[in-house]
């Protein structure tokens, strides 16, 4: 490993002690880099001290064949600052190596199949009847579940909480319906089936979003993979193929902004710009705050009804709604909207106008086929 050190404005003690500490820490780092060729590893160390002050800053930059890892630390004594920076670097290297060693898990195919899988055929008439009864119970609420999942996933992608394209609305709806089938005999009776399914949907989204944030990106490349060839100008056939294989479901904040008829183009354009900014700000709210606002304004529920469905008190619902509206208003004013355009009443009206989409017919037919009485299979 090639080590390059640079010191700037260090006092006499720092200049004497820093090389000794670096030599010790490099020896401890080397075993963590055993899988990499020594001549392809480069470590750059920069330690600086503000002239006339005692604060010290250390920056480490480790260049590996598979990427670059950096660590920084600040403090008032050179030795502890260096040791903390190297400890952080070793931790990051270990995480990086662990990911490289689990290359088959890059795209997590088993997990993606599981959340989007439909049911196998029912093994007996009792199970088929149970599924049919369950579908009859939930059928009228499927549009609401689909729209809630689409809306929440749009917010999560817009905020960067979930990598774009990692999760699909259809897969999450399927997973929600399957979770409901497993638990529908134990469903709570204090609120409606629709509220229960919505609760399951948010639980499913939260679990899968957490898993998506921990997963290695789908576009990660294994070390042994041959480098991609430089891109060439697309041919007409390439363009046709690209257009044909565009994803059916691209989540955009614009899709949450309802169309309004009967207004002049300039007024409508200004309203849509404000609405898009509002939904962009809502993407950064805590999920519970969004759910409170949607129940009060989009679902037009009372504080009592929202509290019952969300497991909160009425006071908590009202306080959460007030805090969320105040935060949204501040954000809109911060990005340049007039205070009167961002008042609480306007924000509530715009949330109430959020566009809703029904579940696609093909998806409903798939669920109906999987849960219908005709989906029985033969046991062996």
Foldseek 3Di string as FASTA:
>chain_A
DAEAEEEEPDDPVLVVVVVVLVVVLVVVLVVLCVVADPVQKYKYWYWYDPPPDQKIKIKIWIGGPQGIDIFIFIDRDNNVRVVVRSVVRSVVSNVVVVCLVPVVCQLPVVVLCVLQPFDAFAADLVQLVLLAVLCVQCVVQQLVLLQLLLLLVLLCCLVVLAPFPSDDSNSLSRNLSVVCSVCVVVQDPLDGPNLSSNVSSVVSCVVVSVVRVPHNHNPRDHPPDDDDDDDDDDDPVRVVVCVVPDDPDGRHLLLQFFDDPDDDPVVRVVVSVLLSLLSSQVSPDPPVLVQLLCCCQQVVDQLPNSCSSVVHDSVVSVVSPVVSLVSSLVSSVVVPDDSVCSDSVNSSNRSNRTDGDGDDPVSSVVSCCSSHSVRHDHDD
